[in-house]
Amino acid sequence: MNLVALNGSPVRGSNVDLLLDQVCAGYRQAGGSSEQIYCNQLLVRPCQACGPEPTTGYCIFHDDMDAVYAKLEQAHAVVVGSPIYFDSVSAQLKLVIDRCNCVTPLVRIGDSYGFRPKWARTRRGVFVTAHSPRHPYEMAERCVRGFMKWIGVKWEETLDYAHDDEDLGSVAHRPEWLERSSALGERLAKSAPLEVKAR
């Protein structure tokens, strides 16, 4: 039972960083294991939109995404964290999201094309974000929810820490948010896998 947390914040010690730490801690407290993947540390080439059925594996490129695919495929639950940049997720996270296009590739079906998911939609997921009240998070959430669906994860909720200050890691002084994040991790660990729906 393992949790994979995709951390899209480029700043260590940021609010997103601290909130994800607490989600992971709550998950471990409930008996699971957790791992954060720091997107800013990955060497990832951007998606090249190479078309239908480019490869028998995942991507035509072999870089740090190979390990990301393996971890996501085996995850019991997935958490995605990002600050809000220009109404969306960070560039570091978006690179990873775009490279997961191959998890539900476009394939030939008879004389036409269709999308065929490689992973069953059995996992649960949440979005964690921190932002100014002047920067809405809904468009970023839409991006993350689409990504989760693409990789076999059902989005369940968004934890959005809206704050007026510009202090690094200010959520550390808001115990109610840390407790809420930890409880979210525990809830994910205790949730049963989703049933696979017949196609």
N, C-alpha and C. Protein backbone atom coordinates (compact mmCIF):
# COMPACT_ATOMS: atom_id res chain seq x y z
N MET A 1 0.85 -1.18 0.00
CA MET A 1 0.00 0.00 0.00
C MET A 1 0.89 1.23 0.00
N ASN A 2 0.98 1.89 -1.13
CA ASN A 2 1.92 3.00 -1.23
C ASN A 2 1.27 4.22 -1.88
N LEU A 3 1.71 5.38 -1.42
CA LEU A 3 1.25 6.66 -1.93
C LEU A 3 2.37 7.29 -2.73
N VAL A 4 2.06 7.79 -3.91
CA VAL A 4 3.01 8.56 -4.71
C VAL A 4 2.54 10.00 -4.73
N ALA A 5 3.41 10.90 -4.32
CA ALA A 5 3.10 12.32 -4.31
C ALA A 5 3.98 13.02 -5.34
N LEU A 6 3.36 13.58 -6.36
CA LEU A 6 4.08 14.36 -7.36
C LEU A 6 4.15 15.80 -6.88
N ASN A 7 5.36 16.24 -6.56
CA ASN A 7 5.56 17.58 -6.02
C ASN A 7 6.01 18.51 -7.13
N GLY A 8 5.12 19.43 -7.54
CA GLY A 8 5.44 20.35 -8.62
C GLY A 8 6.04 21.66 -8.18
N SER A 9 6.28 21.82 -6.88
CA SER A 9 6.86 23.08 -6.42
C SER A 9 8.36 23.11 -6.70
N PRO A 10 8.87 24.20 -7.28
CA PRO A 10 10.31 24.31 -7.51
C PRO A 10 11.07 24.76 -6.26
N VAL A 11 10.35 25.08 -5.19
CA VAL A 11 10.97 25.65 -3.99
C VAL A 11 10.83 24.67 -2.83
N ARG A 12 11.94 24.22 -2.29
CA ARG A 12 11.91 23.35 -1.12
C ARG A 12 11.55 24.18 0.12
N GLY A 13 10.74 23.60 0.97
CA GLY A 13 10.28 24.31 2.14
C GLY A 13 9.07 25.20 1.87
N SER A 14 8.51 25.09 0.67
CA SER A 14 7.34 25.89 0.31
C SER A 14 6.10 25.34 0.99
N ASN A 15 5.00 26.07 0.87
CA ASN A 15 3.74 25.59 1.45
C ASN A 15 3.30 24.27 0.83
N VAL A 16 3.43 24.15 -0.49
CA VAL A 16 3.09 22.89 -1.15
C VAL A 16 3.95 21.76 -0.61
N ASP A 17 5.24 22.02 -0.47
CA ASP A 17 6.18 21.06 0.08
C ASP A 17 5.73 20.57 1.46
N LEU A 18 5.40 21.50 2.34
CA LEU A 18 5.03 21.15 3.70
C LEU A 18 3.69 20.43 3.77
N LEU A 19 2.74 20.85 2.95
CA LEU A 19 1.45 20.18 2.94
C LEU A 19 1.57 18.74 2.44
N LEU A 20 2.38 18.54 1.39
CA LEU A 20 2.59 17.18 0.90
C LEU A 20 3.32 16.33 1.93
N ASP A 21 4.26 16.92 2.64
CA ASP A 21 4.93 16.18 3.72
C ASP A 21 3.92 15.63 4.71
N GLN A 22 2.93 16.45 5.05
CA GLN A 22 1.93 16.03 6.03
C GLN A 22 0.99 14.97 5.47
N VAL A 23 0.62 15.09 4.20
CA VAL A 23 -0.20 14.06 3.58
C VAL A 23 0.54 12.72 3.62
N CYS A 24 1.82 12.75 3.27
CA CYS A 24 2.63 11.53 3.28
C CYS A 24 2.77 10.98 4.69
N ALA A 25 2.95 11.87 5.67
CA ALA A 25 3.09 11.43 7.06
C ALA A 25 1.81 10.77 7.55
N GLY A 26 0.66 11.33 7.18
CA GLY A 26 -0.61 10.74 7.57
C GLY A 26 -0.82 9.38 6.94
N TYR A 27 -0.38 9.25 5.70
CA TYR A 27 -0.50 7.97 5.01
C TYR A 27 0.34 6.91 5.71
N ARG A 28 1.56 7.29 6.10
CA ARG A 28 2.43 6.34 6.81
C ARG A 28 1.87 6.01 8.19
N GLN A 29 1.28 7.01 8.85
CA GLN A 29 0.70 6.78 10.17
C GLN A 29 -0.40 5.73 10.12
N ALA A 30 -1.07 5.66 8.97
CA ALA A 30 -2.16 4.69 8.80
C ALA A 30 -1.64 3.34 8.32
N GLY A 31 -0.33 3.19 8.22
CA GLY A 31 0.24 1.89 7.90
C GLY A 31 0.78 1.72 6.50
N GLY A 32 0.70 2.75 5.67
CA GLY A 32 1.19 2.66 4.31
C GLY A 32 2.60 3.22 4.17
N SER A 33 3.11 3.18 2.96
CA SER A 33 4.40 3.80 2.66
C SER A 33 4.14 4.92 1.66
N SER A 34 5.03 5.89 1.64
CA SER A 34 4.82 7.03 0.75
C SER A 34 6.15 7.48 0.16
N GLU A 35 6.05 8.12 -0.98
CA GLU A 35 7.23 8.65 -1.64
C GLU A 35 6.86 9.92 -2.40
N GLN A 36 7.66 10.95 -2.21
CA GLN A 36 7.47 12.17 -2.99
C GLN A 36 8.42 12.16 -4.18
N ILE A 37 7.90 12.55 -5.32
CA ILE A 37 8.71 12.73 -6.52
C ILE A 37 8.79 14.23 -6.77
N TYR A 38 9.99 14.77 -6.68
CA TYR A 38 10.19 16.21 -6.87
C TYR A 38 10.42 16.48 -8.35
N CYS A 39 9.39 17.00 -9.00
CA CYS A 39 9.45 17.20 -10.45
C CYS A 39 10.60 18.10 -10.85
N ASN A 40 10.98 19.05 -9.99
CA ASN A 40 12.05 19.98 -10.32
C ASN A 40 13.41 19.29 -10.40
N GLN A 41 13.53 18.10 -9.83
CA GLN A 41 14.79 17.37 -9.86
C GLN A 41 14.88 16.38 -11.01
N LEU A 42 13.79 16.21 -11.74
CA LEU A 42 13.77 15.24 -12.83
C LEU A 42 14.37 15.81 -14.11
N LEU A 43 15.02 14.95 -14.86
CA LEU A 43 15.47 15.30 -16.21
C LEU A 43 14.46 14.69 -17.18
N VAL A 44 13.59 15.54 -17.69
CA VAL A 44 12.46 15.08 -18.49
C VAL A 44 12.38 15.90 -19.78
N ARG A 45 12.37 15.19 -20.90
CA ARG A 45 12.19 15.87 -22.18
C ARG A 45 10.71 16.16 -22.38
N PRO A 46 10.37 17.25 -23.04
CA PRO A 46 8.96 17.54 -23.29
C PRO A 46 8.35 16.59 -24.29
N CYS A 47 7.05 16.37 -24.16
CA CYS A 47 6.32 15.51 -25.08
C CYS A 47 6.43 16.04 -26.50
N GLN A 48 6.58 15.14 -27.46
CA GLN A 48 6.74 15.53 -28.86
C GLN A 48 5.52 15.16 -29.72
N ALA A 49 4.43 14.75 -29.08
CA ALA A 49 3.20 14.42 -29.81
C ALA A 49 3.51 13.50 -30.99
N CYS A 50 4.12 12.36 -30.69
CA CYS A 50 4.65 11.50 -31.76
C CYS A 50 3.59 10.66 -32.46
N GLY A 51 2.34 10.77 -32.04
CA GLY A 51 1.29 10.11 -32.81
C GLY A 51 0.87 8.78 -32.25
N PRO A 52 -0.05 8.11 -32.93
CA PRO A 52 -0.60 6.85 -32.42
C PRO A 52 0.42 5.72 -32.45
N GLU A 53 0.39 4.92 -31.39
CA GLU A 53 1.22 3.71 -31.27
C GLU A 53 2.68 3.92 -31.63
N PRO A 54 3.35 4.86 -30.96
CA PRO A 54 4.75 5.11 -31.29
C PRO A 54 5.71 4.04 -30.77
N THR A 55 5.28 3.29 -29.74
CA THR A 55 6.18 2.34 -29.10
C THR A 55 5.37 1.26 -28.39
N THR A 56 5.99 0.11 -28.15
CA THR A 56 5.31 -0.97 -27.44
C THR A 56 5.37 -0.77 -25.93
N GLY A 57 6.26 0.09 -25.45
CA GLY A 57 6.34 0.36 -24.02
C GLY A 57 5.54 1.59 -23.66
N TYR A 58 6.19 2.54 -23.02
CA TYR A 58 5.54 3.80 -22.74
C TYR A 58 6.00 4.82 -23.77
N CYS A 59 6.99 5.61 -23.40
CA CYS A 59 7.41 6.71 -24.28
C CYS A 59 8.59 6.31 -25.15
N ILE A 60 8.75 7.03 -26.27
CA ILE A 60 9.92 6.80 -27.12
C ILE A 60 11.19 7.29 -26.46
N PHE A 61 11.05 8.21 -25.50
CA PHE A 61 12.20 8.72 -24.76
C PHE A 61 12.42 7.88 -23.50
N HIS A 62 13.67 7.74 -23.13
CA HIS A 62 14.01 7.05 -21.89
C HIS A 62 14.84 7.99 -21.03
N ASP A 63 14.16 8.57 -20.07
CA ASP A 63 14.79 9.51 -19.15
C ASP A 63 14.23 9.25 -17.77
N ASP A 64 14.17 10.25 -16.90
CA ASP A 64 13.68 10.02 -15.54
C ASP A 64 12.20 9.64 -15.49
N MET A 65 11.50 9.81 -16.58
CA MET A 65 10.09 9.41 -16.60
C MET A 65 9.92 7.90 -16.51
N ASP A 66 10.92 7.13 -16.91
CA ASP A 66 10.80 5.67 -16.81
C ASP A 66 10.51 5.25 -15.37
N ALA A 67 11.21 5.87 -14.41
CA ALA A 67 10.97 5.55 -13.00
C ALA A 67 9.63 6.09 -12.53
N VAL A 68 9.22 7.23 -13.05
CA VAL A 68 7.93 7.81 -12.67
C VAL A 68 6.80 6.90 -13.12
N TYR A 69 6.85 6.40 -14.35
CA TYR A 69 5.82 5.47 -14.83
C TYR A 69 5.71 4.26 -13.90
N ALA A 70 6.85 3.69 -13.54
CA ALA A 70 6.85 2.49 -12.71
C ALA A 70 6.22 2.76 -11.35
N LYS A 71 6.54 3.90 -10.75
CA LYS A 71 6.01 4.22 -9.43
C LYS A 71 4.52 4.52 -9.50
N LEU A 72 4.09 5.26 -10.50
CA LEU A 72 2.67 5.58 -10.62
C LEU A 72 1.83 4.33 -10.89
N GLU A 73 2.36 3.43 -11.68
CA GLU A 73 1.61 2.22 -12.01
C GLU A 73 1.34 1.37 -10.77
N GLN A 74 2.27 1.38 -9.82
CA GLN A 74 2.14 0.55 -8.63
C GLN A 74 1.49 1.29 -7.45
N ALA A 75 1.12 2.53 -7.63
CA ALA A 75 0.61 3.33 -6.51
C ALA A 75 -0.79 2.90 -6.10
N HIS A 76 -1.03 2.91 -4.81
CA HIS A 76 -2.38 2.69 -4.25
C HIS A 76 -3.18 3.99 -4.29
N ALA A 77 -2.47 5.12 -4.15
CA ALA A 77 -3.10 6.43 -4.19
C ALA A 77 -2.09 7.43 -4.74
N VAL A 78 -2.59 8.52 -5.32
CA VAL A 78 -1.73 9.53 -5.94
C VAL A 78 -2.14 10.91 -5.45
N VAL A 79 -1.16 11.69 -5.04
CA VAL A 79 -1.39 13.08 -4.67
C VAL A 79 -0.55 13.96 -5.59
N VAL A 80 -1.15 15.01 -6.09
CA VAL A 80 -0.45 15.95 -6.96
C VAL A 80 -0.44 17.31 -6.28
N GLY A 81 0.74 17.89 -6.14
CA GLY A 81 0.86 19.19 -5.50
C GLY A 81 1.52 20.20 -6.40
N SER A 82 0.99 21.43 -6.40
CA SER A 82 1.59 22.49 -7.23
C SER A 82 1.14 23.86 -6.74
N PRO A 83 2.02 24.84 -6.84
CA PRO A 83 1.57 26.23 -6.71
C PRO A 83 0.78 26.61 -7.96
N ILE A 84 0.17 27.77 -7.94
CA ILE A 84 -0.58 28.25 -9.10
C ILE A 84 0.26 29.27 -9.85
N TYR A 85 0.58 28.94 -11.10
CA TYR A 85 1.34 29.85 -11.96
C TYR A 85 0.50 30.14 -13.21
N PHE A 86 0.18 31.38 -13.43
CA PHE A 86 -0.64 31.77 -14.58
C PHE A 86 -1.90 30.90 -14.69
N ASP A 87 -2.58 30.75 -13.57
CA ASP A 87 -3.84 30.00 -13.48
C ASP A 87 -3.69 28.50 -13.67
N SER A 88 -2.48 27.97 -13.72
CA SER A 88 -2.31 26.54 -13.93
C SER A 88 -1.21 26.00 -13.02
N VAL A 89 -0.80 24.77 -13.28
CA VAL A 89 0.24 24.13 -12.49
C VAL A 89 1.61 24.62 -12.93
N SER A 90 2.62 24.28 -12.16
CA SER A 90 3.99 24.69 -12.49
C SER A 90 4.49 24.01 -13.76
N ALA A 91 5.48 24.62 -14.38
CA ALA A 91 6.07 24.05 -15.61
C ALA A 91 6.68 22.68 -15.33
N GLN A 92 7.29 22.53 -14.15
CA GLN A 92 7.93 21.26 -13.81
C GLN A 92 6.91 20.12 -13.76
N LEU A 93 5.77 20.39 -13.15
CA LEU A 93 4.72 19.37 -13.08
C LEU A 93 4.10 19.14 -14.45
N LYS A 94 3.91 20.20 -15.22
CA LYS A 94 3.26 20.05 -16.52
C LYS A 94 4.09 19.18 -17.46
N LEU A 95 5.41 19.24 -17.36
CA LEU A 95 6.25 18.35 -18.16
C LEU A 95 5.93 16.89 -17.87
N VAL A 96 5.80 16.57 -16.58
CA VAL A 96 5.49 15.20 -16.18
C VAL A 96 4.10 14.81 -16.64
N ILE A 97 3.13 15.70 -16.46
CA ILE A 97 1.77 15.42 -16.89
C ILE A 97 1.73 15.13 -18.39
N ASP A 98 2.36 15.98 -19.19
CA ASP A 98 2.32 15.79 -20.64
C ASP A 98 2.96 14.48 -21.07
N ARG A 99 4.02 14.07 -20.39
CA ARG A 99 4.70 12.83 -20.75
C ARG A 99 3.91 11.59 -20.34
N CYS A 100 2.85 11.77 -19.56
CA CYS A 100 1.99 10.63 -19.21
C CYS A 100 0.89 10.43 -20.24
N ASN A 101 0.96 11.16 -21.34
CA ASN A 101 0.01 10.96 -22.43
C ASN A 101 0.01 9.51 -22.90
N CYS A 102 1.17 8.86 -22.82
CA CYS A 102 1.31 7.49 -23.32
C CYS A 102 0.68 6.44 -22.41
N VAL A 103 0.21 6.84 -21.22
CA VAL A 103 -0.44 5.88 -20.34
C VAL A 103 -1.82 5.50 -20.88
N THR A 104 -2.44 6.42 -21.59
CA THR A 104 -3.69 6.13 -22.30
C THR A 104 -3.48 6.55 -23.75
N PRO A 105 -2.78 5.72 -24.51
CA PRO A 105 -2.37 6.13 -25.86
C PRO A 105 -3.50 6.07 -26.88
N LEU A 106 -3.31 6.81 -27.93
CA LEU A 106 -4.19 6.73 -29.09
C LEU A 106 -3.74 5.54 -29.93
N VAL A 107 -4.65 4.61 -30.17
CA VAL A 107 -4.29 3.38 -30.91
C VAL A 107 -5.26 3.16 -32.06
N ARG A 108 -4.82 2.36 -33.00
CA ARG A 108 -5.68 2.00 -34.12
C ARG A 108 -6.68 0.95 -33.68
N ILE A 109 -7.96 1.20 -33.96
CA ILE A 109 -9.02 0.24 -33.67
C ILE A 109 -9.79 0.05 -34.97
N GLY A 110 -9.46 -1.01 -35.68
CA GLY A 110 -10.08 -1.23 -36.99
C GLY A 110 -9.63 -0.16 -37.97
N ASP A 111 -10.58 0.54 -38.54
CA ASP A 111 -10.27 1.59 -39.50
C ASP A 111 -10.23 2.98 -38.86
N SER A 112 -10.33 3.03 -37.54
CA SER A 112 -10.31 4.33 -36.87
C SER A 112 -9.33 4.31 -35.70
N TYR A 113 -9.43 5.31 -34.85
CA TYR A 113 -8.53 5.41 -33.70
C TYR A 113 -9.35 5.62 -32.44
N GLY A 114 -8.77 5.19 -31.34
CA GLY A 114 -9.41 5.40 -30.04
C GLY A 114 -8.36 5.36 -28.95
N PHE A 115 -8.74 5.81 -27.76
CA PHE A 115 -7.81 5.82 -26.63
C PHE A 115 -7.98 4.53 -25.82
N ARG A 116 -6.86 3.93 -25.46
CA ARG A 116 -6.89 2.66 -24.73
C ARG A 116 -6.02 2.78 -23.46
N PRO A 117 -6.65 2.88 -22.28
CA PRO A 117 -5.86 3.01 -21.05
C PRO A 117 -5.07 1.75 -20.73
N LYS A 118 -3.84 1.94 -20.29
CA LYS A 118 -3.00 0.81 -19.90
C LYS A 118 -3.21 0.43 -18.43
N TRP A 119 -3.72 1.36 -17.63
CA TRP A 119 -3.92 1.12 -16.21
C TRP A 119 -5.40 1.22 -15.87
N ALA A 120 -5.89 0.31 -15.06
CA ALA A 120 -7.29 0.36 -14.62
C ALA A 120 -7.47 1.55 -13.67
N ARG A 121 -8.67 2.11 -13.68
CA ARG A 121 -8.94 3.26 -12.82
C ARG A 121 -9.38 2.77 -11.45
N THR A 122 -8.41 2.40 -10.63
CA THR A 122 -8.69 1.81 -9.33
C THR A 122 -8.13 2.63 -8.17
N ARG A 123 -7.39 3.68 -8.45
CA ARG A 123 -6.75 4.45 -7.38
C ARG A 123 -7.52 5.73 -7.08
N ARG A 124 -7.28 6.27 -5.91
CA ARG A 124 -7.88 7.54 -5.50
C ARG A 124 -6.80 8.62 -5.50
N GLY A 125 -7.22 9.86 -5.73
CA GLY A 125 -6.23 10.94 -5.79
C GLY A 125 -6.77 12.26 -5.28
N VAL A 126 -5.85 13.12 -4.88
CA VAL A 126 -6.20 14.47 -4.43
C VAL A 126 -5.20 15.47 -5.01
N PHE A 127 -5.63 16.71 -5.08
CA PHE A 127 -4.80 17.81 -5.54
C PHE A 127 -4.53 18.72 -4.35
N VAL A 128 -3.27 19.07 -4.15
CA VAL A 128 -2.86 19.97 -3.06
C VAL A 128 -2.23 21.21 -3.69
N THR A 129 -2.73 22.38 -3.33
CA THR A 129 -2.19 23.60 -3.90
C THR A 129 -2.14 24.71 -2.85
N ALA A 130 -1.27 25.65 -3.08
CA ALA A 130 -1.16 26.85 -2.23
C ALA A 130 -1.09 28.05 -3.17
N HIS A 131 -1.84 29.09 -2.82
CA HIS A 131 -1.93 30.22 -3.75
C HIS A 131 -2.45 31.45 -3.03
N SER A 132 -2.26 32.58 -3.66
CA SER A 132 -2.83 33.83 -3.18
C SER A 132 -4.34 33.82 -3.45
N PRO A 133 -5.13 34.47 -2.60
CA PRO A 133 -6.56 34.57 -2.89
C PRO A 133 -6.85 35.27 -4.22
N ARG A 134 -5.89 35.99 -4.73
CA ARG A 134 -6.07 36.69 -6.02
C ARG A 134 -5.82 35.78 -7.21
N HIS A 135 -5.33 34.56 -6.96
CA HIS A 135 -5.02 33.64 -8.04
C HIS A 135 -5.88 32.39 -7.90
N PRO A 136 -6.96 32.29 -8.66
CA PRO A 136 -7.85 31.12 -8.54
C PRO A 136 -7.15 29.83 -8.95
N TYR A 137 -7.58 28.74 -8.35
CA TYR A 137 -6.94 27.45 -8.58
C TYR A 137 -7.75 26.53 -9.49
N GLU A 138 -8.96 26.94 -9.88
CA GLU A 138 -9.87 26.03 -10.57
C GLU A 138 -9.33 25.50 -11.90
N MET A 139 -8.61 26.33 -12.66
CA MET A 139 -8.08 25.86 -13.94
C MET A 139 -6.96 24.86 -13.73
N ALA A 140 -6.14 25.08 -12.70
CA ALA A 140 -5.11 24.10 -12.36
C ALA A 140 -5.73 22.79 -11.92
N GLU A 141 -6.79 22.89 -11.14
CA GLU A 141 -7.49 21.69 -10.69
C GLU A 141 -8.04 20.92 -11.89
N ARG A 142 -8.57 21.62 -12.86
CA ARG A 142 -9.10 20.95 -14.05
C ARG A 142 -7.99 20.18 -14.77
N CYS A 143 -6.81 20.78 -14.86
CA CYS A 143 -5.67 20.11 -15.48
C CYS A 143 -5.31 18.84 -14.71
N VAL A 144 -5.25 18.95 -13.39
CA VAL A 144 -4.87 17.81 -12.56
C VAL A 144 -5.93 16.71 -12.62
N ARG A 145 -7.19 17.09 -12.62
CA ARG A 145 -8.25 16.08 -12.68
C ARG A 145 -8.21 15.33 -14.01
N GLY A 146 -7.92 16.04 -15.10
CA GLY A 146 -7.78 15.35 -16.39
C GLY A 146 -6.60 14.41 -16.39
N PHE A 147 -5.50 14.85 -15.80
CA PHE A 147 -4.31 14.01 -15.70
C PHE A 147 -4.59 12.75 -14.90
N MET A 148 -5.27 12.91 -13.77
CA MET A 148 -5.57 11.75 -12.92
C MET A 148 -6.43 10.74 -13.67
N LYS A 149 -7.44 11.22 -14.36
CA LYS A 149 -8.28 10.30 -15.12
C LYS A 149 -7.45 9.54 -16.14
N TRP A 150 -6.49 10.23 -16.75
CA TRP A 150 -5.65 9.65 -17.79
C TRP A 150 -4.77 8.52 -17.25
N ILE A 151 -4.39 8.60 -15.97
CA ILE A 151 -3.48 7.59 -15.41
C ILE A 151 -4.21 6.62 -14.47
N GLY A 152 -5.53 6.55 -14.57
CA GLY A 152 -6.27 5.57 -13.78
C GLY A 152 -6.48 5.95 -12.34
N VAL A 153 -6.67 7.25 -12.08
CA VAL A 153 -6.88 7.74 -10.72
C VAL A 153 -8.18 8.54 -10.68
N LYS A 154 -8.99 8.34 -9.66
CA LYS A 154 -10.21 9.11 -9.49
C LYS A 154 -9.95 10.26 -8.53
N TRP A 155 -10.06 11.49 -9.04
CA TRP A 155 -9.91 12.67 -8.19
C TRP A 155 -11.03 12.68 -7.16
N GLU A 156 -10.67 12.97 -5.89
CA GLU A 156 -11.67 13.00 -4.84
C GLU A 156 -11.83 14.36 -4.19
N GLU A 157 -10.75 15.12 -4.08
CA GLU A 157 -10.88 16.45 -3.50
C GLU A 157 -9.63 17.28 -3.75
N THR A 158 -9.77 18.58 -3.50
CA THR A 158 -8.65 19.50 -3.61
C THR A 158 -8.46 20.20 -2.28
N LEU A 159 -7.22 20.20 -1.82
CA LEU A 159 -6.84 20.93 -0.61
C LEU A 159 -6.16 22.21 -1.07
N ASP A 160 -6.86 23.34 -0.95
CA ASP A 160 -6.28 24.59 -1.45
C ASP A 160 -6.03 25.56 -0.30
N TYR A 161 -4.76 25.82 -0.06
CA TYR A 161 -4.34 26.73 1.00
C TYR A 161 -4.17 28.11 0.39
N ALA A 162 -5.17 28.96 0.57
CA ALA A 162 -5.11 30.34 0.07
C ALA A 162 -4.56 31.22 1.19
N HIS A 163 -3.52 31.97 0.88
CA HIS A 163 -2.85 32.76 1.92
C HIS A 163 -2.43 34.13 1.37
N ASP A 164 -2.51 35.14 2.22
CA ASP A 164 -2.17 36.51 1.82
C ASP A 164 -0.69 36.83 1.95
N ASP A 165 0.03 36.08 2.77
CA ASP A 165 1.43 36.41 3.04
C ASP A 165 2.34 35.94 1.92
N GLU A 166 3.57 36.43 1.95
CA GLU A 166 4.60 36.03 0.99
C GLU A 166 5.73 35.28 1.68
N ASP A 167 5.48 34.77 2.87
CA ASP A 167 6.50 34.10 3.65
C ASP A 167 6.65 32.65 3.22
N LEU A 168 7.88 32.20 3.07
CA LEU A 168 8.14 30.82 2.68
C LEU A 168 7.66 29.87 3.77
N GLY A 169 6.83 28.91 3.38
CA GLY A 169 6.38 27.89 4.32
C GLY A 169 5.50 28.40 5.45
N SER A 170 4.70 29.42 5.19
CA SER A 170 3.88 30.01 6.25
C SER A 170 2.86 29.04 6.82
N VAL A 171 2.51 28.00 6.06
CA VAL A 171 1.53 27.03 6.55
C VAL A 171 2.04 26.28 7.77
N ALA A 172 3.35 26.32 8.01
CA ALA A 172 3.91 25.67 9.20
C ALA A 172 3.36 26.29 10.47
N HIS A 173 2.87 27.52 10.38
CA HIS A 173 2.30 28.20 11.55
C HIS A 173 0.78 28.11 11.60
N ARG A 174 0.23 27.21 10.74
CA ARG A 174 -1.21 27.00 10.70
C ARG A 174 -1.49 25.52 11.01
N PRO A 175 -1.48 25.15 12.29
CA PRO A 175 -1.61 23.73 12.65
C PRO A 175 -2.88 23.09 12.12
N GLU A 176 -3.95 23.86 11.94
CA GLU A 176 -5.19 23.27 11.45
C GLU A 176 -5.03 22.76 10.02
N TRP A 177 -4.19 23.44 9.22
CA TRP A 177 -3.94 22.99 7.85
C TRP A 177 -3.03 21.76 7.83
N LEU A 178 -2.07 21.73 8.74
CA LEU A 178 -1.19 20.56 8.82
C LEU A 178 -1.98 19.33 9.26
N GLU A 179 -2.86 19.52 10.23
CA GLU A 179 -3.69 18.41 10.69
C GLU A 179 -4.65 17.95 9.59
N ARG A 180 -5.19 18.89 8.87
CA ARG A 180 -6.11 18.54 7.78
C ARG A 180 -5.39 17.73 6.71
N SER A 181 -4.15 18.11 6.42
CA SER A 181 -3.36 17.39 5.41
C SER A 181 -3.03 15.99 5.87
N SER A 182 -2.64 15.86 7.14
CA SER A 182 -2.32 14.55 7.69
C SER A 182 -3.55 13.64 7.68
N ALA A 183 -4.70 14.20 8.05
CA ALA A 183 -5.94 13.42 8.04
C ALA A 183 -6.30 12.96 6.63
N LEU A 184 -5.99 13.79 5.65
CA LEU A 184 -6.24 13.42 4.26
C LEU A 184 -5.40 12.22 3.86
N GLY A 185 -4.14 12.21 4.28
CA GLY A 185 -3.27 11.07 4.00
C GLY A 185 -3.78 9.80 4.65
N GLU A 186 -4.23 9.91 5.90
CA GLU A 186 -4.78 8.73 6.59
C GLU A 186 -6.01 8.20 5.87
N ARG A 187 -6.85 9.11 5.42
CA ARG A 187 -8.08 8.70 4.74
C ARG A 187 -7.77 7.97 3.43
N LEU A 188 -6.76 8.45 2.71
CA LEU A 188 -6.37 7.77 1.47
C LEU A 188 -5.86 6.36 1.76
N ALA A 189 -5.08 6.23 2.83
CA ALA A 189 -4.52 4.92 3.17
C ALA A 189 -5.60 3.92 3.56
N LYS A 190 -6.65 4.40 4.19
CA LYS A 190 -7.70 3.51 4.68
C LYS A 190 -8.79 3.25 3.63
N SER A 191 -8.72 3.95 2.51
CA SER A 191 -9.73 3.78 1.47
C SER A 191 -9.45 2.53 0.65
N ALA A 192 -10.49 1.78 0.39
CA ALA A 192 -10.34 0.58 -0.43
C ALA A 192 -10.14 0.97 -1.90
N PRO A 193 -9.45 0.14 -2.67
CA PRO A 193 -9.32 0.42 -4.11
C PRO A 193 -10.69 0.49 -4.77
N LEU A 194 -10.78 1.28 -5.81
CA LEU A 194 -12.03 1.38 -6.55
C LEU A 194 -12.25 0.11 -7.36
N GLU A 195 -13.49 -0.25 -7.54
CA GLU A 195 -13.80 -1.41 -8.35
C GLU A 195 -13.61 -1.09 -9.82
N VAL A 196 -13.09 -2.05 -10.55
CA VAL A 196 -12.89 -1.88 -11.99
C VAL A 196 -14.23 -2.04 -12.69
N LYS A 197 -14.61 -1.02 -13.44
CA LYS A 197 -15.88 -1.08 -14.16
C LYS A 197 -15.71 -1.83 -15.48
N ALA A 198 -16.68 -2.62 -15.79
CA ALA A 198 -16.65 -3.36 -17.06
C ALA A 198 -16.81 -2.38 -18.21
N ARG A 199 -16.05 -2.63 -19.31
CA ARG A 199 -16.13 -1.76 -20.47
C ARG A 199 -17.19 -2.24 -21.44
